[in-house]
């Protein structure tokens, strides 16, 4: 999302609120306990049956995070199988025990497809105060991508911007 700020101190500054890049989808955090058929241990046959019996249509327009709050011992293939089965049904998933963790992972995964063309050769600010807590990893990744194309990259709010990078080789 691009927002042009027009205060005297920020003429021509494009502000990016990374939270606005997240799709307006429902979020569901599901514990792997849900796929264990009530058993204390994960059994492959039970796990596969539970995955087969899911009505994946209920996850349309939903971002799904899987968690293991009970601390079950899980084979590595379990999370992979979860991801593949949901992906085959066009449901985006990640391993996350909270909405914030899920949003952070979504932003990282979708950075590669983010259209940066509006920020080429521009003065850009990455909004610091957002309605969702984002990790330093997310801010770092987006700043690295922007610094390759933007004339100036800063972070924070228009009243207190912190300069991050400036490329004097770009057109003035």
N, C-alpha and C. Protein backbone atom coordinates (compact mmCIF):
# COMPACT_ATOMS: atom_id res chain seq x y z
N UNK A 1 0.85 -1.16 0.00
CA UNK A 1 0.00 0.00 0.00
C UNK A 1 0.90 1.22 0.00
N UNK A 2 0.64 2.14 -0.90
CA UNK A 2 1.41 3.37 -1.00
C UNK A 2 0.56 4.51 -0.50
N UNK A 3 1.12 5.31 0.39
CA UNK A 3 0.43 6.48 0.89
C UNK A 3 1.37 7.65 0.71
N UNK A 4 0.94 8.66 -0.02
CA UNK A 4 1.75 9.85 -0.22
C UNK A 4 1.50 10.81 0.92
N UNK A 5 2.53 11.11 1.65
CA UNK A 5 2.41 12.02 2.77
C UNK A 5 2.66 13.44 2.24
N UNK A 6 1.90 14.43 2.71
CA UNK A 6 2.06 15.76 2.15
C UNK A 6 2.34 16.83 3.20
N UNK A 7 2.96 16.45 4.30
CA UNK A 7 3.38 17.48 5.25
C UNK A 7 4.60 18.18 4.68
N UNK A 8 4.89 19.44 5.12
CA UNK A 8 6.02 20.18 4.58
C UNK A 8 7.36 19.44 4.75
N UNK A 9 7.50 18.64 5.80
CA UNK A 9 8.77 17.97 6.05
C UNK A 9 8.88 16.66 5.29
N UNK A 10 7.79 16.24 4.66
CA UNK A 10 7.86 14.94 3.98
C UNK A 10 7.33 15.02 2.55
N UNK A 11 7.54 16.16 1.87
CA UNK A 11 7.09 16.29 0.48
C UNK A 11 7.65 15.17 -0.38
N UNK A 12 6.77 14.50 -1.11
CA UNK A 12 7.19 13.45 -2.02
C UNK A 12 7.60 12.16 -1.35
N UNK A 13 7.29 12.00 -0.09
CA UNK A 13 7.65 10.79 0.64
C UNK A 13 6.55 9.75 0.48
N UNK A 14 6.93 8.55 0.07
CA UNK A 14 5.98 7.44 -0.02
C UNK A 14 6.13 6.61 1.25
N UNK A 15 5.02 6.40 1.95
CA UNK A 15 5.05 5.64 3.19
C UNK A 15 4.41 4.28 2.97
N UNK A 16 5.11 3.25 3.42
CA UNK A 16 4.63 1.88 3.27
C UNK A 16 4.23 1.36 4.65
N UNK A 17 2.99 0.93 4.78
CA UNK A 17 2.53 0.24 5.98
C UNK A 17 2.50 -1.24 5.61
N UNK A 18 3.50 -1.99 6.07
CA UNK A 18 3.63 -3.39 5.68
C UNK A 18 2.40 -4.22 6.05
N UNK A 19 1.72 -3.85 7.10
CA UNK A 19 0.52 -4.59 7.51
C UNK A 19 -0.55 -4.52 6.42
N UNK A 20 -0.58 -3.45 5.66
CA UNK A 20 -1.57 -3.32 4.59
C UNK A 20 -1.28 -4.24 3.41
N UNK A 21 -0.10 -4.85 3.38
CA UNK A 21 0.23 -5.81 2.32
C UNK A 21 -0.39 -7.19 2.60
N UNK A 22 -0.72 -7.44 3.86
CA UNK A 22 -1.29 -8.73 4.26
C UNK A 22 -2.72 -8.83 3.73
N UNK A 23 -3.07 -9.97 3.12
CA UNK A 23 -4.45 -10.09 2.60
C UNK A 23 -5.48 -10.01 3.72
N UNK A 24 -6.64 -9.51 3.38
CA UNK A 24 -7.75 -9.40 4.34
C UNK A 24 -8.47 -10.74 4.43
N UNK A 25 -7.76 -11.73 4.90
CA UNK A 25 -8.30 -13.08 5.03
C UNK A 25 -8.55 -13.40 6.49
N UNK A 26 -9.38 -14.39 6.72
CA UNK A 26 -9.53 -14.91 8.07
C UNK A 26 -8.21 -15.59 8.44
N UNK A 27 -7.98 -15.73 9.73
CA UNK A 27 -6.81 -16.44 10.22
C UNK A 27 -7.29 -17.53 11.17
N UNK A 28 -6.73 -18.71 11.00
CA UNK A 28 -7.05 -19.80 11.92
C UNK A 28 -5.75 -20.46 12.36
N UNK A 29 -5.59 -20.56 13.66
CA UNK A 29 -4.44 -21.27 14.23
C UNK A 29 -4.97 -22.62 14.71
N UNK A 30 -4.40 -23.68 14.18
CA UNK A 30 -4.87 -25.04 14.49
C UNK A 30 -3.75 -25.82 15.17
N UNK A 31 -4.06 -26.41 16.30
CA UNK A 31 -3.09 -27.25 16.98
C UNK A 31 -3.07 -28.62 16.30
N UNK A 32 -1.88 -29.22 16.19
CA UNK A 32 -1.78 -30.54 15.55
C UNK A 32 -2.60 -31.59 16.29
N UNK A 33 -2.95 -31.32 17.53
CA UNK A 33 -3.81 -32.22 18.32
C UNK A 33 -5.09 -32.53 17.51
N UNK A 34 -5.54 -31.55 16.73
CA UNK A 34 -6.75 -31.67 15.91
C UNK A 34 -6.65 -32.84 14.92
N UNK A 35 -5.42 -33.18 14.52
CA UNK A 35 -5.22 -34.20 13.49
C UNK A 35 -4.76 -35.55 14.06
N UNK A 36 -4.83 -35.68 15.38
CA UNK A 36 -4.31 -36.89 16.01
C UNK A 36 -5.41 -37.87 16.42
N UNK A 37 -6.65 -37.55 16.13
CA UNK A 37 -7.76 -38.43 16.44
C UNK A 37 -7.89 -38.77 17.92
N UNK A 38 -7.48 -37.83 18.77
CA UNK A 38 -7.58 -38.04 20.21
C UNK A 38 -6.49 -38.91 20.81
N UNK A 39 -5.61 -39.44 19.97
CA UNK A 39 -4.53 -40.31 20.47
C UNK A 39 -3.42 -39.46 21.09
N UNK A 40 -2.71 -40.01 22.07
CA UNK A 40 -1.61 -39.26 22.69
C UNK A 40 -0.37 -39.18 21.80
N UNK A 41 -0.26 -40.09 20.83
CA UNK A 41 0.87 -40.11 19.91
C UNK A 41 0.36 -39.98 18.49
N UNK A 42 1.16 -39.36 17.66
CA UNK A 42 0.79 -39.23 16.25
C UNK A 42 1.02 -40.56 15.54
N UNK A 43 -0.04 -41.07 14.95
CA UNK A 43 0.05 -42.29 14.14
C UNK A 43 -0.20 -41.89 12.70
N UNK A 44 0.66 -42.36 11.82
CA UNK A 44 0.56 -41.95 10.42
C UNK A 44 -0.81 -42.26 9.82
N UNK A 45 -1.35 -43.44 10.07
CA UNK A 45 -2.64 -43.82 9.47
C UNK A 45 -3.76 -42.90 9.97
N UNK A 46 -3.77 -42.60 11.25
CA UNK A 46 -4.79 -41.71 11.82
C UNK A 46 -4.62 -40.30 11.26
N UNK A 47 -3.38 -39.84 11.20
CA UNK A 47 -3.06 -38.51 10.70
C UNK A 47 -3.54 -38.35 9.25
N UNK A 48 -3.22 -39.32 8.42
CA UNK A 48 -3.64 -39.26 7.01
C UNK A 48 -5.17 -39.29 6.88
N UNK A 49 -5.84 -40.09 7.71
CA UNK A 49 -7.30 -40.16 7.67
C UNK A 49 -7.90 -38.82 8.06
N UNK A 50 -7.37 -38.21 9.12
CA UNK A 50 -7.86 -36.90 9.56
C UNK A 50 -7.70 -35.87 8.45
N UNK A 51 -6.56 -35.89 7.78
CA UNK A 51 -6.31 -34.94 6.68
C UNK A 51 -7.24 -35.20 5.50
N UNK A 52 -7.53 -36.47 5.24
CA UNK A 52 -8.41 -36.84 4.12
C UNK A 52 -9.84 -36.39 4.40
N UNK A 53 -10.26 -36.44 5.65
CA UNK A 53 -11.65 -36.15 6.01
C UNK A 53 -11.95 -34.66 6.19
N UNK A 54 -10.95 -33.82 6.06
CA UNK A 54 -11.16 -32.37 6.25
C UNK A 54 -11.97 -31.79 5.10
N UNK A 55 -12.89 -30.91 5.43
CA UNK A 55 -13.61 -30.14 4.42
C UNK A 55 -12.79 -28.87 4.17
N UNK A 56 -11.92 -28.95 3.18
CA UNK A 56 -10.99 -27.85 2.91
C UNK A 56 -11.71 -26.59 2.43
N UNK A 57 -12.93 -26.73 1.95
CA UNK A 57 -13.67 -25.55 1.49
C UNK A 57 -13.92 -24.56 2.63
N UNK A 58 -13.93 -25.05 3.86
CA UNK A 58 -14.16 -24.14 5.00
C UNK A 58 -12.97 -23.20 5.23
N UNK A 59 -11.84 -23.50 4.57
CA UNK A 59 -10.64 -22.67 4.71
C UNK A 59 -10.46 -21.69 3.55
N UNK A 60 -11.49 -21.58 2.70
CA UNK A 60 -11.40 -20.62 1.60
C UNK A 60 -11.20 -19.22 2.19
N UNK A 61 -10.27 -18.47 1.63
CA UNK A 61 -9.94 -17.12 2.10
C UNK A 61 -9.47 -17.11 3.56
N UNK A 62 -8.73 -18.15 3.93
CA UNK A 62 -8.21 -18.25 5.30
C UNK A 62 -6.71 -18.53 5.25
N UNK A 63 -5.97 -17.84 6.09
CA UNK A 63 -4.55 -18.15 6.29
C UNK A 63 -4.50 -19.05 7.52
N UNK A 64 -3.82 -20.18 7.39
CA UNK A 64 -3.82 -21.17 8.47
C UNK A 64 -2.43 -21.32 9.06
N UNK A 65 -2.38 -21.26 10.38
CA UNK A 65 -1.14 -21.52 11.10
C UNK A 65 -1.30 -22.79 11.91
N UNK A 66 -0.28 -23.63 11.89
CA UNK A 66 -0.29 -24.85 12.69
C UNK A 66 0.60 -24.65 13.89
N UNK A 67 0.19 -25.22 15.01
CA UNK A 67 0.98 -25.11 16.22
C UNK A 67 1.02 -26.46 16.93
N UNK A 68 1.87 -26.52 17.93
CA UNK A 68 1.99 -27.73 18.74
C UNK A 68 2.05 -27.28 20.20
N UNK A 69 0.98 -26.67 20.66
CA UNK A 69 0.95 -26.10 22.02
C UNK A 69 1.10 -27.16 23.10
N UNK A 70 0.67 -28.38 22.81
CA UNK A 70 0.75 -29.46 23.80
C UNK A 70 2.13 -30.09 23.83
N UNK A 71 2.99 -29.72 22.89
CA UNK A 71 4.35 -30.24 22.88
C UNK A 71 4.47 -31.70 22.49
N UNK A 72 3.58 -32.17 21.63
CA UNK A 72 3.65 -33.56 21.16
C UNK A 72 4.95 -33.78 20.39
N UNK A 73 5.47 -34.96 20.47
CA UNK A 73 6.64 -35.32 19.67
C UNK A 73 6.13 -35.65 18.28
N UNK A 74 6.59 -34.88 17.31
CA UNK A 74 6.10 -35.03 15.95
C UNK A 74 7.24 -35.40 15.01
N UNK A 75 7.01 -36.35 14.13
CA UNK A 75 8.01 -36.61 13.10
C UNK A 75 8.04 -35.42 12.13
N UNK A 76 9.19 -35.20 11.51
CA UNK A 76 9.31 -34.04 10.62
C UNK A 76 8.34 -34.10 9.45
N UNK A 77 7.99 -35.29 9.00
CA UNK A 77 7.10 -35.39 7.85
C UNK A 77 5.70 -34.86 8.16
N UNK A 78 5.31 -34.80 9.42
CA UNK A 78 3.95 -34.38 9.78
C UNK A 78 3.66 -32.96 9.32
N UNK A 79 4.56 -32.02 9.61
CA UNK A 79 4.32 -30.64 9.19
C UNK A 79 4.38 -30.50 7.68
N UNK A 80 5.25 -31.28 7.05
CA UNK A 80 5.35 -31.23 5.59
C UNK A 80 4.05 -31.75 4.97
N UNK A 81 3.53 -32.84 5.49
CA UNK A 81 2.28 -33.40 4.97
C UNK A 81 1.12 -32.43 5.17
N UNK A 82 1.07 -31.77 6.33
CA UNK A 82 0.04 -30.74 6.56
C UNK A 82 0.11 -29.67 5.48
N UNK A 83 1.30 -29.14 5.27
CA UNK A 83 1.48 -28.06 4.29
C UNK A 83 1.06 -28.50 2.89
N UNK A 84 1.48 -29.70 2.49
CA UNK A 84 1.18 -30.19 1.15
C UNK A 84 -0.32 -30.42 0.97
N UNK A 85 -0.96 -31.06 1.92
CA UNK A 85 -2.40 -31.33 1.79
C UNK A 85 -3.22 -30.04 1.71
N UNK A 86 -2.87 -29.06 2.53
CA UNK A 86 -3.59 -27.79 2.50
C UNK A 86 -3.27 -27.03 1.20
N UNK A 87 -2.01 -27.05 0.78
CA UNK A 87 -1.61 -26.37 -0.47
C UNK A 87 -2.34 -26.98 -1.67
N UNK A 88 -2.50 -28.29 -1.67
CA UNK A 88 -3.22 -28.96 -2.76
C UNK A 88 -4.67 -28.48 -2.83
N UNK A 89 -5.15 -27.93 -1.75
CA UNK A 89 -6.52 -27.41 -1.69
C UNK A 89 -6.53 -25.88 -1.67
N UNK A 90 -5.44 -25.28 -2.15
CA UNK A 90 -5.31 -23.82 -2.29
C UNK A 90 -5.47 -23.07 -0.97
N UNK A 91 -4.92 -23.63 0.09
CA UNK A 91 -4.95 -22.97 1.39
C UNK A 91 -3.51 -22.69 1.81
N UNK A 92 -3.19 -21.41 2.04
CA UNK A 92 -1.84 -21.04 2.47
C UNK A 92 -1.67 -21.37 3.95
N UNK A 93 -0.56 -22.01 4.28
CA UNK A 93 -0.29 -22.40 5.66
C UNK A 93 1.15 -22.09 6.04
N UNK A 94 1.37 -22.06 7.34
CA UNK A 94 2.71 -21.96 7.89
C UNK A 94 2.68 -22.54 9.29
N UNK A 95 3.84 -22.67 9.89
CA UNK A 95 3.92 -23.11 11.28
C UNK A 95 3.89 -21.84 12.11
N UNK A 96 2.83 -21.62 12.88
CA UNK A 96 2.70 -20.39 13.65
C UNK A 96 1.73 -20.61 14.80
N UNK A 97 2.10 -20.11 15.96
CA UNK A 97 1.21 -20.27 17.11
C UNK A 97 0.45 -19.00 17.45
N UNK A 98 0.57 -17.97 16.59
CA UNK A 98 -0.17 -16.73 16.80
C UNK A 98 -0.40 -16.05 15.46
N UNK A 99 -1.36 -15.13 15.46
CA UNK A 99 -1.64 -14.33 14.26
C UNK A 99 -0.41 -13.55 13.83
N UNK A 100 0.28 -12.96 14.80
CA UNK A 100 1.45 -12.15 14.50
C UNK A 100 2.54 -12.97 13.83
N UNK A 101 2.79 -14.16 14.36
CA UNK A 101 3.80 -15.03 13.76
C UNK A 101 3.40 -15.41 12.34
N UNK A 102 2.13 -15.70 12.15
CA UNK A 102 1.62 -16.05 10.82
C UNK A 102 1.81 -14.88 9.86
N UNK A 103 1.42 -13.67 10.28
CA UNK A 103 1.55 -12.50 9.41
C UNK A 103 3.02 -12.23 9.06
N UNK A 104 3.90 -12.38 10.04
CA UNK A 104 5.33 -12.18 9.78
C UNK A 104 5.82 -13.16 8.72
N UNK A 105 5.43 -14.42 8.84
CA UNK A 105 5.86 -15.43 7.88
C UNK A 105 5.27 -15.16 6.50
N UNK A 106 4.01 -14.75 6.45
CA UNK A 106 3.37 -14.44 5.16
C UNK A 106 4.14 -13.31 4.47
N UNK A 107 4.46 -12.27 5.22
CA UNK A 107 5.19 -11.14 4.62
C UNK A 107 6.55 -11.56 4.08
N UNK A 108 7.26 -12.40 4.80
CA UNK A 108 8.56 -12.88 4.33
C UNK A 108 8.40 -13.71 3.05
N UNK A 109 7.45 -14.62 3.05
CA UNK A 109 7.26 -15.48 1.88
C UNK A 109 6.83 -14.71 0.64
N UNK A 110 6.07 -13.64 0.82
CA UNK A 110 5.55 -12.91 -0.32
C UNK A 110 6.41 -11.72 -0.74
N UNK A 111 7.52 -11.53 -0.08
CA UNK A 111 8.44 -10.45 -0.44
C UNK A 111 8.94 -10.60 -1.87
N UNK A 112 9.21 -11.81 -2.29
CA UNK A 112 9.74 -12.05 -3.63
C UNK A 112 8.78 -11.59 -4.73
N UNK A 113 7.49 -11.62 -4.47
CA UNK A 113 6.51 -11.24 -5.50
C UNK A 113 5.97 -9.82 -5.31
N UNK A 114 6.51 -9.10 -4.33
CA UNK A 114 6.05 -7.75 -4.04
C UNK A 114 6.47 -6.79 -5.15
N UNK A 115 5.51 -6.05 -5.68
CA UNK A 115 5.77 -5.09 -6.75
C UNK A 115 6.39 -3.83 -6.16
N UNK A 116 7.67 -3.64 -6.41
CA UNK A 116 8.39 -2.48 -5.87
C UNK A 116 8.45 -1.33 -6.87
N UNK A 117 7.86 -1.48 -8.04
CA UNK A 117 7.97 -0.44 -9.06
C UNK A 117 7.50 0.95 -8.60
N UNK A 118 6.48 1.07 -7.73
CA UNK A 118 6.09 2.42 -7.30
C UNK A 118 7.18 3.12 -6.47
N UNK A 119 8.16 2.38 -5.99
CA UNK A 119 9.17 2.95 -5.10
C UNK A 119 10.51 3.20 -5.79
N UNK A 120 10.59 2.88 -7.08
CA UNK A 120 11.83 3.08 -7.82
C UNK A 120 12.20 4.56 -7.82
N UNK A 121 13.43 4.84 -7.39
CA UNK A 121 13.96 6.20 -7.41
C UNK A 121 13.19 7.17 -6.52
N UNK A 122 12.48 6.66 -5.54
CA UNK A 122 11.63 7.49 -4.69
C UNK A 122 12.20 7.63 -3.28
N UNK A 123 11.64 8.57 -2.55
CA UNK A 123 11.90 8.69 -1.12
C UNK A 123 10.84 7.85 -0.42
N UNK A 124 11.28 6.84 0.32
CA UNK A 124 10.36 5.86 0.89
C UNK A 124 10.56 5.76 2.40
N UNK A 125 9.44 5.68 3.09
CA UNK A 125 9.46 5.46 4.54
C UNK A 125 8.68 4.19 4.85
N UNK A 126 9.28 3.35 5.69
CA UNK A 126 8.58 2.16 6.17
C UNK A 126 7.94 2.54 7.50
N UNK A 127 6.62 2.45 7.56
CA UNK A 127 5.87 2.83 8.76
C UNK A 127 6.30 1.97 9.95
N UNK A 128 6.56 2.61 11.07
CA UNK A 128 7.02 1.91 12.26
C UNK A 128 5.92 1.46 13.19
N UNK A 129 4.94 2.30 13.43
CA UNK A 129 3.84 1.94 14.33
C UNK A 129 2.72 1.32 13.52
N UNK A 130 2.52 0.03 13.73
CA UNK A 130 1.49 -0.67 12.98
C UNK A 130 0.55 -1.38 13.94
N UNK A 131 -0.61 -1.76 13.44
CA UNK A 131 -1.62 -2.41 14.27
C UNK A 131 -1.25 -3.86 14.60
N UNK A 132 -0.26 -4.42 13.92
CA UNK A 132 0.22 -5.77 14.18
C UNK A 132 1.72 -5.67 14.47
N UNK A 133 2.17 -6.40 15.46
CA UNK A 133 3.60 -6.40 15.78
C UNK A 133 4.34 -7.21 14.72
N UNK A 134 5.25 -6.55 14.03
CA UNK A 134 6.05 -7.22 13.02
C UNK A 134 7.46 -7.43 13.56
N UNK A 135 8.09 -8.50 13.11
CA UNK A 135 9.43 -8.83 13.60
C UNK A 135 10.49 -7.99 12.92
N UNK A 136 11.62 -7.89 13.58
CA UNK A 136 12.77 -7.20 12.99
C UNK A 136 13.13 -7.85 11.66
N UNK A 137 12.99 -9.15 11.59
CA UNK A 137 13.30 -9.89 10.35
C UNK A 137 12.50 -9.36 9.16
N UNK A 138 11.22 -9.08 9.38
CA UNK A 138 10.37 -8.55 8.30
C UNK A 138 10.84 -7.17 7.88
N UNK A 139 11.04 -6.28 8.84
CA UNK A 139 11.50 -4.93 8.51
C UNK A 139 12.85 -4.96 7.80
N UNK A 140 13.75 -5.81 8.26
CA UNK A 140 15.06 -5.93 7.62
C UNK A 140 14.94 -6.38 6.17
N UNK A 141 14.12 -7.38 5.92
CA UNK A 141 13.96 -7.92 4.57
C UNK A 141 13.39 -6.87 3.61
N UNK A 142 12.37 -6.15 4.06
CA UNK A 142 11.76 -5.14 3.19
C UNK A 142 12.70 -3.96 2.98
N UNK A 143 13.43 -3.56 4.00
CA UNK A 143 14.40 -2.46 3.85
C UNK A 143 15.50 -2.86 2.86
N UNK A 144 15.99 -4.09 2.95
CA UNK A 144 17.04 -4.54 2.01
C UNK A 144 16.53 -4.50 0.58
N UNK A 145 15.29 -4.90 0.37
CA UNK A 145 14.75 -4.89 -0.99
C UNK A 145 14.57 -3.44 -1.48
N UNK A 146 14.07 -2.58 -0.62
CA UNK A 146 13.84 -1.19 -1.01
C UNK A 146 15.14 -0.43 -1.27
N UNK A 147 16.18 -0.69 -0.49
CA UNK A 147 17.41 0.08 -0.64
C UNK A 147 18.06 -0.13 -2.01
N UNK A 148 17.71 -1.21 -2.69
CA UNK A 148 18.26 -1.48 -4.03
C UNK A 148 17.63 -0.60 -5.11
N UNK A 149 16.44 -0.06 -4.82
CA UNK A 149 15.73 0.67 -5.87
C UNK A 149 15.33 2.09 -5.48
N UNK A 150 15.21 2.36 -4.20
CA UNK A 150 14.74 3.68 -3.75
C UNK A 150 15.91 4.65 -3.58
N UNK A 151 15.63 5.92 -3.79
CA UNK A 151 16.65 6.95 -3.60
C UNK A 151 16.97 7.08 -2.11
N UNK A 152 15.93 7.09 -1.29
CA UNK A 152 16.08 7.21 0.16
C UNK A 152 15.12 6.23 0.83
N UNK A 153 15.61 5.55 1.87
CA UNK A 153 14.76 4.69 2.68
C UNK A 153 14.90 5.15 4.12
N UNK A 154 13.74 5.34 4.76
CA UNK A 154 13.74 5.71 6.18
C UNK A 154 12.72 4.85 6.90
N UNK A 155 12.74 4.95 8.22
CA UNK A 155 11.86 4.13 9.04
C UNK A 155 11.24 5.00 10.12
N UNK A 156 9.98 4.72 10.45
CA UNK A 156 9.33 5.40 11.56
C UNK A 156 8.07 6.11 11.13
N UNK A 157 7.78 7.19 11.84
CA UNK A 157 6.62 8.02 11.56
C UNK A 157 7.09 9.35 10.99
N UNK A 158 6.21 10.04 10.26
CA UNK A 158 6.65 11.26 9.59
C UNK A 158 7.20 12.31 10.57
N UNK A 159 6.79 12.25 11.83
CA UNK A 159 7.29 13.21 12.82
C UNK A 159 8.66 12.81 13.37
N UNK A 160 9.08 11.57 13.13
CA UNK A 160 10.36 11.11 13.67
C UNK A 160 10.95 10.02 12.78
N UNK A 161 11.33 10.39 11.56
CA UNK A 161 11.89 9.43 10.63
C UNK A 161 13.37 9.19 10.90
N UNK A 162 13.77 7.94 10.82
CA UNK A 162 15.17 7.57 10.99
C UNK A 162 15.70 7.18 9.61
N UNK A 163 16.72 7.89 9.10
CA UNK A 163 17.28 7.53 7.80
C UNK A 163 17.92 6.14 7.85
N UNK A 164 17.66 5.34 6.84
CA UNK A 164 18.22 3.99 6.78
C UNK A 164 19.25 3.89 5.66
N UNK A 165 18.90 4.36 4.47
CA UNK A 165 19.86 4.33 3.36
C UNK A 165 19.56 5.46 2.39
N UNK A 166 20.62 5.85 1.68
CA UNK A 166 20.50 6.90 0.67
C UNK A 166 21.43 6.51 -0.46
N UNK A 167 20.90 6.46 -1.67
CA UNK A 167 21.70 6.11 -2.84
C UNK A 167 21.86 7.35 -3.70
N UNK A 168 23.01 7.98 -3.60
CA UNK A 168 23.26 9.21 -4.35
C UNK A 168 23.47 8.94 -5.82
N UNK A 169 23.65 7.69 -6.23
CA UNK A 169 23.84 7.38 -7.63
C UNK A 169 22.52 7.41 -8.40
N UNK A 170 21.40 7.34 -7.68
CA UNK A 170 20.09 7.41 -8.33
C UNK A 170 19.78 8.84 -8.70
N UNK A 171 18.93 9.04 -9.71
CA UNK A 171 18.56 10.38 -10.18
C UNK A 171 17.99 11.21 -9.05
N UNK A 172 18.30 12.49 -9.07
CA UNK A 172 17.76 13.42 -8.08
C UNK A 172 16.44 13.95 -8.52
